C-alpha atoms as a PDB file:
ATOM      1  CA  MET A   1       0.020   0.022  -0.004  1.00  0.00           C
ATOM      2  CA  GLY A   2       1.355   3.432  -0.888  1.00  0.00           C
ATOM      3  CA  LEU A   3       1.249   6.507  -2.989  1.00  0.00           C
ATOM      4  CA  ASP A   4       4.464   7.416  -4.777  1.00  0.00           C
ATOM      5  CA  VAL A   5       5.412  10.111  -7.249  1.00  0.00           C
ATOM      6  CA  ALA A   6       8.186  10.283  -9.899  1.00  0.00           C
ATOM      7  CA  ILE A   7       9.451  13.608 -11.144  1.00  0.00           C
ATOM      8  CA  PRO A   8      12.316  14.237 -13.605  1.00  0.00           C
ATOM      9  CA  ASP A   9      15.677  15.723 -12.801  1.00  0.00           C
ATOM     10  CA  THR A  10      14.711  18.499 -15.234  1.00  0.00           C
ATOM     11  CA  ALA A  11      11.986  19.700 -12.875  1.00  0.00           C
ATOM     12  CA  LEU A  12      13.818  23.000 -12.182  1.00  0.00           C
ATOM     13  CA  ARG A  13      15.196  23.730 -15.664  1.00  0.00           C
ATOM     14  CA  ASP A  14      12.938  26.698 -16.298  1.00  0.00           C
ATOM     15  CA  CYS A  15      13.705  28.332 -12.975  1.00  0.00           C
ATOM     16  CA  SER A  16      16.080  31.302 -13.312  1.00  0.00           C
ATOM     17  CA  ASP A  17      17.941  31.187  -9.965  1.00  0.00           C
ATOM     18  CA  LEU A  18      18.255  29.407  -6.599  1.00  0.00           C
ATOM     19  CA  ARG A  19      15.480  31.475  -5.064  1.00  0.00           C
ATOM     20  CA  GLU A  20      12.960  30.454  -7.686  1.00  0.00           C
ATOM     21  CA  LYS A  21      14.092  26.842  -7.506  1.00  0.00           C
ATOM     22  CA  THR A  22      13.695  26.825  -3.755  1.00  0.00           C
ATOM     23  CA  ILE A  23      10.160  28.231  -4.027  1.00  0.00           C
ATOM     24  CA  ARG A  24       9.161  25.625  -6.587  1.00  0.00           C
ATOM     25  CA  ILE A  25      10.517  22.765  -4.438  1.00  0.00           C
ATOM     26  CA  GLY A  26       8.600  24.180  -1.509  1.00  0.00           C
ATOM     27  CA  ARG A  27       5.312  24.134  -3.433  1.00  0.00           C
ATOM     28  CA  MET A  28       5.882  20.588  -4.639  1.00  0.00           C
ATOM     29  CA  GLY A  29       6.852  19.458  -1.111  1.00  0.00           C
ATOM     30  CA  ARG A  30       3.685  20.868   0.319  1.00  0.00           C
ATOM     31  CA  ALA A  31       1.609  19.114  -2.341  1.00  0.00           C
ATOM     32  CA  PHE A  32       3.353  15.817  -1.599  1.00  0.00           C
ATOM     33  CA  ALA A  33       2.653  16.128   2.101  1.00  0.00           C
ATOM     34  CA  ILE A  34      -1.000  17.313   1.669  1.00  0.00           C
ATOM     35  CA  PHE A  35      -1.873  14.307  -0.461  1.00  0.00           C
ATOM     36  CA  ARG A  36       0.082  11.773   1.688  1.00  0.00           C
ATOM     37  CA  VAL A  37       2.790  10.837  -0.801  1.00  0.00           C
ATOM     38  CA  GLU A  38       5.064   8.174   0.761  1.00  0.00           C
ATOM     39  CA  ARG A  39       8.033   8.320  -1.677  1.00  0.00           C
ATOM     40  CA  VAL A  40       9.206  10.853  -4.239  1.00  0.00           C
ATOM     41  CA  PHE A  41      11.557   9.519  -6.936  1.00  0.00           C
ATOM     42  CA  VAL A  42      13.684  11.929  -8.946  1.00  0.00           C
ATOM     43  CA  TYR A  43      14.474  10.056 -12.124  1.00  0.00           C
ATOM     44  CA  ALA A  44      17.369  10.732 -14.548  1.00  0.00           C
ATOM     45  CA  THR A  45      16.562  12.001 -18.035  1.00  0.00           C
ATOM     46  CA  GLY A  46      20.031  12.627 -19.456  1.00  0.00           C
ATOM     47  CA  MET A  47      18.810  16.087 -20.527  1.00  0.00           C
ATOM     48  CA  LEU A  48      20.425  18.368 -17.971  1.00  0.00           C
ATOM     49  CA  SER A  49      22.886  20.887 -19.301  1.00  0.00           C
ATOM     50  CA  THR A  50      26.272  21.438 -17.579  1.00  0.00           C
ATOM     51  CA  SER A  51      24.881  24.467 -15.686  1.00  0.00           C
ATOM     52  CA  GLN A  52      21.887  22.422 -14.458  1.00  0.00           C
ATOM     53  CA  LYS A  53      23.723  19.254 -13.441  1.00  0.00           C
ATOM     54  CA  HIS A  54      23.318  20.019  -9.696  1.00  0.00           C
ATOM     55  CA  ASP A  55      19.551  20.412  -9.902  1.00  0.00           C
ATOM     56  CA  SER A  56      18.845  16.812  -9.133  1.00  0.00           C
ATOM     57  CA  ALA A  57      20.872  16.982  -5.855  1.00  0.00           C
ATOM     58  CA  LEU A  58      19.226  20.246  -4.980  1.00  0.00           C
ATOM     59  CA  LEU A  59      15.749  18.714  -5.421  1.00  0.00           C
ATOM     60  CA  LEU A  60      16.630  15.819  -3.183  1.00  0.00           C
ATOM     61  CA  LYS A  61      18.298  17.970  -0.560  1.00  0.00           C
ATOM     62  CA  LEU A  62      15.543  20.518  -0.173  1.00  0.00           C
ATOM     63  CA  LEU A  63      12.750  17.863  -0.166  1.00  0.00           C
ATOM     64  CA  ARG A  64      14.621  16.004   2.577  1.00  0.00           C
ATOM     65  CA  PHE A  65      15.171  19.298   4.410  1.00  0.00           C
ATOM     66  CA  MET A  66      11.404  19.947   4.296  1.00  0.00           C
ATOM     67  CA  ASP A  67      10.570  16.503   5.634  1.00  0.00           C
ATOM     68  CA  THR A  68      13.052  16.817   8.513  1.00  0.00           C
ATOM     69  CA  PRO A  69      11.482  18.425  11.603  1.00  0.00           C
ATOM     70  CA  GLN A  70      12.720  21.917  12.352  1.00  0.00           C
ATOM     71  CA  TYR A  71      14.427  20.905  15.624  1.00  0.00           C
ATOM     72  CA  LEU A  72      16.850  18.583  13.790  1.00  0.00           C
ATOM     73  CA  ARG A  73      17.654  20.574  10.675  1.00  0.00           C
ATOM     74  CA  ARG A  74      20.857  22.211  12.029  1.00  0.00           C
ATOM     75  CA  ARG A  75      22.216  18.816  13.097  1.00  0.00           C
ATOM     76  CA  VAL A  76      21.355  17.076   9.883  1.00  0.00           C
ATOM     77  CA  PHE A  77      22.068  19.782   7.275  1.00  0.00           C
ATOM     78  CA  PRO A  78      25.365  21.708   7.690  1.00  0.00           C
ATOM     79  CA  HIS A  79      25.427  25.333   6.515  1.00  0.00           C
ATOM     80  CA  SER A  80      25.472  25.402   2.724  1.00  0.00           C
ATOM     81  CA  PRO A  81      24.945  27.915  -0.049  1.00  0.00           C
ATOM     82  CA  THR A  82      22.169  25.793  -1.413  1.00  0.00           C
ATOM     83  CA  LEU A  83      20.155  26.494   1.794  1.00  0.00           C
ATOM     84  CA  LYS A  84      20.432  30.238   1.290  1.00  0.00           C
ATOM     85  CA  PHE A  85      16.628  30.584   0.710  1.00  0.00           C
ATOM     86  CA  ALA A  86      15.524  27.687   2.885  1.00  0.00           C
ATOM     87  CA  GLY A  87      13.520  30.189   4.931  1.00  0.00           C
ATOM     88  CA  LEU A  88      11.099  30.389   1.962  1.00  0.00           C
ATOM     89  CA  LEU A  89      10.235  26.721   2.230  1.00  0.00           C
ATOM     90  CA  PRO A  90       6.791  26.412   3.808  1.00  0.00           C
ATOM     91  CA  PRO A  91       6.391  24.225   6.914  1.00  0.00           C
ATOM     92  CA  LEU A  92       4.831  20.808   6.286  1.00  0.00           C
ATOM     93  CA  ARG A  93       3.080  20.450   9.619  1.00  0.00           C
ATOM     94  CA  THR A  94       2.806  16.718   9.222  1.00  0.00           C
ATOM     95  CA  ARG A  95       2.592  14.456  12.296  1.00  0.00           C
ATOM     96  CA  SER A  96       6.427  14.147  11.968  1.00  0.00           C
ATOM     97  CA  HIS A  97       6.787  17.817  12.842  1.00  0.00           C
ATOM     98  CA  PRO A  98       5.459  18.072  16.447  1.00  0.00           C
ATOM     99  CA  LEU A  99       5.326  21.455  18.161  1.00  0.00           C
ATOM    100  CA  SER A 100       5.541  20.175  21.696  1.00  0.00           C
ATOM    101  CA  ALA A 101       9.035  19.977  23.387  1.00  0.00           C
ATOM    102  CA  ASP A 102       7.802  18.745  26.755  1.00  0.00           C
ATOM    103  CA  HIS A 103       8.938  15.326  27.876  1.00  0.00           C
ATOM    104  CA  SER A 104       5.718  14.818  29.860  1.00  0.00           C
ATOM    105  CA  ASP A 105       3.596  15.011  26.668  1.00  0.00           C
ATOM    106  CA  LEU A 106       5.087  11.758  25.349  1.00  0.00           C
ATOM    107  CA  SER A 107       3.180   8.504  25.753  1.00  0.00           C
ATOM    108  CA  VAL A 108       3.892   4.878  24.929  1.00  0.00           C
ATOM    109  CA  GLY A 109       3.576   4.382  21.181  1.00  0.00           C
ATOM    110  CA  ASP A 110       4.402   8.015  20.255  1.00  0.00           C
ATOM    111  CA  VAL A 111       6.962   8.432  17.403  1.00  0.00           C
ATOM    112  CA  ARG A 112       9.500  11.212  16.897  1.00  0.00           C
ATOM    113  CA  TRP A 113      12.464  11.758  14.656  1.00  0.00           C
ATOM    114  CA  GLY A 114      15.751  11.920  16.478  1.00  0.00           C
ATOM    115  CA  ALA A 115      19.466  12.346  15.727  1.00  0.00           C
ATOM    116  CA  GLN A 116      22.639  11.468  17.610  1.00  0.00           C
ATOM    117  CA  ALA A 117      23.721  14.479  19.671  1.00  0.00           C
ATOM    118  CA  ARG A 118      26.674  12.738  21.332  1.00  0.00           C
ATOM    119  CA  PRO A 119      27.422   9.178  22.472  1.00  0.00           C
ATOM    120  CA  GLY A 120      24.537   7.936  24.573  1.00  0.00           C
ATOM    121  CA  LYS A 121      22.363  10.933  23.919  1.00  0.00           C
ATOM    122  CA  ILE A 122      19.605  11.542  21.216  1.00  0.00           C
ATOM    123  CA  ASP A 123      18.023  14.784  20.282  1.00  0.00           C
ATOM    124  CA  LEU A 124      14.245  14.294  19.984  1.00  0.00           C
ATOM    125  CA  GLY A 125      13.453  18.000  19.945  1.00  0.00           C
ATOM    126  CA  LEU A 126      12.667  17.969  23.661  1.00  0.00           C
ATOM    127  CA  LYS A 127      13.951  20.443  26.220  1.00  0.00           C
ATOM    128  CA  GLU A 128      16.614  17.912  27.250  1.00  0.00           C
ATOM    129  CA  LEU A 129      18.587  15.260  25.385  1.00  0.00           C
ATOM    130  CA  VAL A 130      17.345  11.730  25.823  1.00  0.00           C
ATOM    131  CA  ASP A 131      19.371   8.684  26.942  1.00  0.00           C
ATOM    132  CA  TYR A 132      19.860   6.080  24.227  1.00  0.00           C
ATOM    133  CA  PRO A 133      22.583   3.371  24.702  1.00  0.00           C
ATOM    134  CA  HIS A 134      23.124   2.504  20.991  1.00  0.00           C
ATOM    135  CA  ARG A 135      24.932   4.488  18.336  1.00  0.00           C
ATOM    136  CA  LEU A 136      23.182   5.502  15.183  1.00  0.00           C
ATOM    137  CA  GLN A 137      24.764   4.803  11.827  1.00  0.00           C
ATOM    138  CA  GLY A 138      25.570   7.913   9.820  1.00  0.00           C
ATOM    139  CA  LYS A 139      24.278  11.436  10.313  1.00  0.00           C
ATOM    140  CA  ARG A 140      20.735  10.952   9.004  1.00  0.00           C
ATOM    141  CA  PRO A 141      17.962  11.029  11.614  1.00  0.00           C
ATOM    142  CA  ALA A 142      16.092   7.909  12.743  1.00  0.00           C
ATOM    143  CA  LEU A 143      12.574   7.260  13.839  1.00  0.00           C
ATOM    144  CA  PHE A 144      12.147   6.485  17.538  1.00  0.00           C
ATOM    145  CA  GLN A 145       9.092   5.022  19.163  1.00  0.00           C
ATOM    146  CA  VAL A 146       8.396   5.378  22.915  1.00  0.00           C
ATOM    147  CA  VAL A 147       8.438   1.935  24.487  1.00  0.00           C
ATOM    148  CA  LYS A 148       8.241   3.214  28.043  1.00  0.00           C
ATOM    149  CA  ALA A 149       7.381   6.764  29.108  1.00  0.00           C
ATOM    150  CA  ALA A 150       8.027   6.710  32.884  1.00  0.00           C
ATOM    151  CA  PRO A 151       9.898   6.952  35.052  1.00  0.00           C
ATOM    152  CA  ARG A 152      12.541   7.127  32.334  1.00  0.00           C
ATOM    153  CA  LEU A 153      11.992   7.310  28.599  1.00  0.00           C
ATOM    154  CA  ARG A 154      12.911   4.126  26.736  1.00  0.00           C
ATOM    155  CA  LEU A 155      13.047   4.085  22.962  1.00  0.00           C
ATOM    156  CA  GLU A 156      13.373   1.741  20.006  1.00  0.00           C
ATOM    157  CA  VAL A 157      14.194   2.513  16.391  1.00  0.00           C
ATOM    158  CA  ILE A 158      11.456   1.795  13.892  1.00  0.00           C
ATOM    159  CA  GLU A 159      10.935   2.295  10.141  1.00  0.00           C
ATOM    160  CA  ARG A 160       8.515   4.755   8.522  1.00  0.00           C
ATOM    161  CA  ASP A 161       6.577   1.766   7.103  1.00  0.00           C
ATOM    162  CA  ASP A 162       5.903   0.627  10.680  1.00  0.00           C
ATOM    163  CA  ILE A 163       3.804   3.771  11.354  1.00  0.00           C
ATOM    164  CA  GLU A 164       0.047   3.315  10.684  1.00  0.00           C
ATOM    165  CA  GLU A 165      -0.676   7.043  10.056  1.00  0.00           C
ATOM    166  CA  TYR A 166       0.932   9.350   7.433  1.00  0.00           C
ATOM    167  CA  TYR A 167       4.330  10.557   8.644  1.00  0.00           C
ATOM    168  CA  GLY A 168       5.828  12.457   5.711  1.00  0.00           C
ATOM    169  CA  PHE A 169       7.624  11.473   2.568  1.00  0.00           C
ATOM    170  CA  GLU A 170      11.000  10.073   1.533  1.00  0.00           C
ATOM    171  CA  ALA A 171      12.891  11.634  -1.397  1.00  0.00           C
ATOM    172  CA  ASN A 172      14.941   9.132  -3.375  1.00  0.00           C
ATOM    173  CA  LYS A 173      17.281   9.330  -6.351  1.00  0.00           C
ATOM    174  CA  ALA A 174      16.222   6.935  -9.109  1.00  0.00           C
ATOM    175  CA  GLY A 175      17.948   5.746 -12.237  1.00  0.00           C
ATOM    176  CA  ASP A 176      16.135   6.016 -15.542  1.00  0.00           C
ATOM    177  CA  LEU A 177      12.304   5.980 -15.579  1.00  0.00           C
ATOM    178  CA  VAL A 178      11.934   2.720 -17.461  1.00  0.00           C
ATOM    179  CA  SER A 179      13.966   0.917 -14.761  1.00  0.00           C
ATOM    180  CA  LEU A 180      11.855   2.546 -12.066  1.00  0.00           C
ATOM    181  CA  LEU A 181       8.651   1.433 -13.778  1.00  0.00           C
ATOM    182  CA  LYS A 182       9.955  -2.130 -14.222  1.00  0.00           C
ATOM    183  CA  ASP A 183      10.821  -2.287 -10.527  1.00  0.00           C
ATOM    184  CA  SER A 184       7.289  -1.085  -9.529  1.00  0.00           C
ATOM    185  CA  VAL A 185       5.848  -4.580  -9.548  1.00  0.00           C
ATOM    186  CA  GLY A 186       2.194  -4.827  -8.541  1.00  0.00           C
ATOM    187  CA  VAL A 187       1.790  -1.017  -8.615  1.00  0.00           C
ATOM    188  CA  THR A 188      -0.695   0.957 -10.699  1.00  0.00           C
ATOM    189  CA  ARG A 189       1.420   3.247 -12.843  1.00  0.00           C
ATOM    190  CA  ILE A 190      -0.118   6.454 -14.159  1.00  0.00           C
ATOM    191  CA  ALA A 191       1.613   8.930 -16.459  1.00  0.00           C
ATOM    192  CA  LEU A 192       0.325  12.434 -16.608  1.00  0.00           C
ATOM    193  CA  SER A 193       0.259  13.932 -20.076  1.00  0.00           C
ATOM    194  CA  ARG A 194      -1.597  16.745 -21.910  1.00  0.00           C
ATOM    195  CA  HIS A 195      -1.797  14.494 -24.928  1.00  0.00           C
ATOM    196  CA  ALA A 196      -3.630  11.732 -23.058  1.00  0.00           C
ATOM    197  CA  PRO A 197      -7.435  11.144 -22.634  1.00  0.00           C
ATOM    198  CA  PRO A 198      -9.118  13.316 -19.992  1.00  0.00           C
ATOM    199  CA  TYR A 199      -9.131  11.925 -16.449  1.00  0.00           C
ATOM    200  CA  SER A 200     -12.960  11.833 -16.364  1.00  0.00           C
ATOM    201  CA  LYS A 201     -12.990   9.131 -19.053  1.00  0.00           C
ATOM    202  CA  LEU A 202     -10.503   6.927 -17.139  1.00  0.00           C
ATOM    203  CA  GLU A 203     -11.505   7.437 -13.508  1.00  0.00           C
ATOM    204  CA  GLY A 204     -13.601   4.286 -13.349  1.00  0.00           C
ATOM    205  CA  GLN A 205     -10.852   2.125 -14.745  1.00  0.00           C
ATOM    206  CA  ILE A 206      -8.276   3.679 -12.432  1.00  0.00           C
ATOM    207  CA  LYS A 207     -10.474   3.037  -9.392  1.00  0.00           C
ATOM    208  CA  SER A 208     -10.960  -0.594 -10.452  1.00  0.00           C
ATOM    209  CA  THR A 209      -7.290  -1.173 -11.032  1.00  0.00           C
ATOM    210  CA  VAL A 210      -6.125   0.494  -7.843  1.00  0.00           C
ATOM    211  CA  ALA A 211      -8.646  -1.502  -5.859  1.00  0.00           C
ATOM    212  CA  GLY A 212      -6.557  -4.557  -6.765  1.00  0.00           C
ATOM    213  CA  THR A 213      -3.013  -3.119  -6.332  1.00  0.00           C
ATOM    214  CA  LYS A 214      -3.601  -0.835  -3.306  1.00  0.00           C
ATOM    215  CA  SER A 215      -0.650   1.194  -4.611  1.00  0.00           C
ATOM    216  CA  LEU A 216      -0.021   3.923  -7.146  1.00  0.00           C
ATOM    217  CA  LEU A 217       2.930   5.588  -8.873  1.00  0.00           C
ATOM    218  CA  ALA A 218       2.133   8.923 -10.515  1.00  0.00           C
ATOM    219  CA  VAL A 219       4.723   9.880 -13.110  1.00  0.00           C
ATOM    220  CA  PHE A 220       5.202  13.497 -14.218  1.00  0.00           C
ATOM    221  CA  GLY A 221       7.213  15.038 -17.011  1.00  0.00           C
ATOM    222  CA  GLY A 222       9.264  18.190 -16.943  1.00  0.00           C
ATOM    223  CA  PRO A 223       8.585  21.841 -17.627  1.00  0.00           C
ATOM    224  CA  ARG A 224       9.439  21.704 -21.369  1.00  0.00           C
ATOM    225  CA  HIS A 225       9.058  18.017 -22.141  1.00  0.00           C
ATOM    226  CA  GLY A 226       6.332  15.561 -21.203  1.00  0.00           C
ATOM    227  CA  VAL A 227       7.008  11.987 -20.123  1.00  0.00           C
ATOM    228  CA  SER A 228       6.939  10.520 -23.581  1.00  0.00           C
ATOM    229  CA  GLU A 229       9.121  13.367 -24.924  1.00  0.00           C
ATOM    230  CA  LEU A 230      11.719  12.904 -22.221  1.00  0.00           C
ATOM    231  CA  LEU A 231      12.046   9.280 -23.264  1.00  0.00           C
ATOM    232  CA  SER A 232      11.313   9.428 -26.941  1.00  0.00           C
ATOM    233  CA  GLU A 233      13.888   6.725 -27.740  1.00  0.00           C
ATOM    234  CA  GLU A 234      12.193   4.288 -25.354  1.00  0.00           C
ATOM    235  CA  LYS A 235       8.588   4.915 -26.138  1.00  0.00           C
ATOM    236  CA  ALA A 236       7.733   1.256 -26.701  1.00  0.00           C
ATOM    237  CA  LEU A 237       9.279   0.197 -23.395  1.00  0.00           C
ATOM    238  CA  LEU A 238       7.650   3.206 -21.619  1.00  0.00           C
ATOM    239  CA  LYS A 239       4.164   2.436 -22.920  1.00  0.00           C
ATOM    240  CA  GLU A 240       4.602  -1.266 -21.998  1.00  0.00           C
ATOM    241  CA  HIS A 241       5.081  -0.330 -18.300  1.00  0.00           C
ATOM    242  CA  ILE A 242       2.498   2.430 -18.004  1.00  0.00           C
ATOM    243  CA  ASP A 243      -1.014   1.347 -17.065  1.00  0.00           C
ATOM    244  CA  PHE A 244      -2.795   4.659 -17.719  1.00  0.00           C
ATOM    245  CA  TRP A 245      -1.975   7.838 -19.607  1.00  0.00           C
ATOM    246  CA  VAL A 246      -4.098  10.604 -18.171  1.00  0.00           C
ATOM    247  CA  ASN A 247      -4.714  14.333 -18.801  1.00  0.00           C
ATOM    248  CA  THR A 248      -5.851  15.948 -15.536  1.00  0.00           C
ATOM    249  CA  VAL A 249      -6.159  19.466 -16.988  1.00  0.00           C
ATOM    250  CA  PRO A 250      -8.058  19.059 -20.285  1.00  0.00           C
ATOM    251  CA  GLN A 251      -8.592  22.226 -22.391  1.00  0.00           C
ATOM    252  CA  GLN A 252      -6.224  24.181 -20.160  1.00  0.00           C
ATOM    253  CA  GLY A 253      -6.697  27.880 -20.378  1.00  0.00           C
ATOM    254  CA  THR A 254      -2.933  28.667 -20.324  1.00  0.00           C
ATOM    255  CA  GLU A 255      -0.427  27.650 -22.955  1.00  0.00           C
ATOM    256  CA  THR A 256       1.539  25.746 -20.312  1.00  0.00           C
ATOM    257  CA  VAL A 257       0.819  24.185 -16.911  1.00  0.00           C
ATOM    258  CA  ARG A 258       3.749  24.426 -14.468  1.00  0.00           C
ATOM    259  CA  LEU A 259       4.961  21.209 -12.866  1.00  0.00           C
ATOM    260  CA  GLU A 260       3.915  22.187  -9.367  1.00  0.00           C
ATOM    261  CA  GLU A 261       0.445  23.052 -10.770  1.00  0.00           C
ATOM    262  CA  ALA A 262       0.176  19.751 -12.539  1.00  0.00           C
ATOM    263  CA  ILE A 263       1.213  17.877  -9.334  1.00  0.00           C
ATOM    264  CA  LEU A 264      -1.350  19.770  -7.227  1.00  0.00           C
ATOM    265  CA  THR A 265      -4.182  19.244  -9.732  1.00  0.00           C
ATOM    266  CA  SER A 266      -3.416  15.601 -10.409  1.00  0.00           C
ATOM    267  CA  LEU A 267      -2.940  14.557  -6.802  1.00  0.00           C
ATOM    268  CA  THR A 268      -6.206  16.297  -5.899  1.00  0.00           C
ATOM    269  CA  LEU A 269      -8.118  14.200  -8.390  1.00  0.00           C
ATOM    270  CA  LEU A 270      -6.320  10.980  -7.423  1.00  0.00           C
ATOM    271  CA  ASN A 271      -6.820  11.655  -3.723  1.00  0.00           C
ATOM    272  CA  ASN A 272     -10.534  12.118  -4.171  1.00  0.00           C
ATOM    273  CA  ALA A 273     -10.875   8.927  -6.231  1.00  0.00           C
ATOM    274  CA  VAL A 274      -8.421   6.466  -4.610  1.00  0.00           C
ATOM    275  CA  GLY A 275      -6.638   8.278  -1.803  1.00  0.00           C
ATOM    276  CA  ASN A 276      -8.049   6.116   1.025  1.00  0.00           C
ATOM    277  CA  GLN A 277      -7.058   2.980  -0.891  1.00  0.00           C
ATOM    278  CA  VAL A 278      -3.417   3.859  -1.413  1.00  0.00           C
ATOM    279  CA  ALA A 279      -2.401   6.374   1.324  1.00  0.00           C
ATOM    280  CA  LYS A 280      -2.091   6.118   5.089  1.00  0.00           C
ATOM    281  CA  PRO A 281      -4.633   8.007   7.221  1.00  0.00           C
ATOM    282  CA  GLY A 282      -4.039  11.731   7.493  1.00  0.00           C
ATOM    283  CA  TYR A 283      -5.678  14.374   9.644  1.00  0.00           C
ATOM    284  CA  HIS A 284      -9.465  14.812   9.982  1.00  0.00           C
ATOM    285  CA  GLN A 285     -10.561  11.368   8.772  1.00  0.00           C
END
């Protein structure tokens, strides 16, 4: 069960500078969180120019920055020029971003992101560091679940998949799109394209197919080239591994639809149709 999204490494190619790129990533990240996307894949197209070759890394870094709770960001992300406009990124306010810093508010079963502060101590975003006898691997944060709340907090590391409610998204670097699609076994794969039939004509079939797979991968093209144009040399393979080609903005009133707009529109429609079948529970069920 899960809702995944694939976007190309060319997603920022029409942005003029780092500020504009940061704002676009922020809008995409908010859409992913609103509609309970579990994994975001940035797939390689081979179409980045020399000046754009770092865009893929920037996409991944800022999406991961957004998903990381504010209290851990300084520990996890060292100062970097690429974070110059990070203040423009909107807060996600997912369950993984708690506002409380009071130890007494924690109960058995609660989950928080944490990072190694020093040997034997974990930063959970509380007023004081928490004892933890094991050492974490690497600098990336881990998910901790409260096993015992009193008299002393006892924790265990869990995986995001172990949490029953929506807890944010992962951002992953993928290889080429065809390989990603081939690896998505048992998943309903939908490509969004302005050249495809309108969503209204395919909604029934999509619902029926998703009812069987309980999982969905939504594939988006880039600002200047759609999915089939990005992989024009592999069209046969691409079509073999796509279940539905869908246009979610038929008869668009503007010459172009920006990627973040296409993501917001498409995920809105898919959420209304099959969201409860593929995504974990969010707020206000």
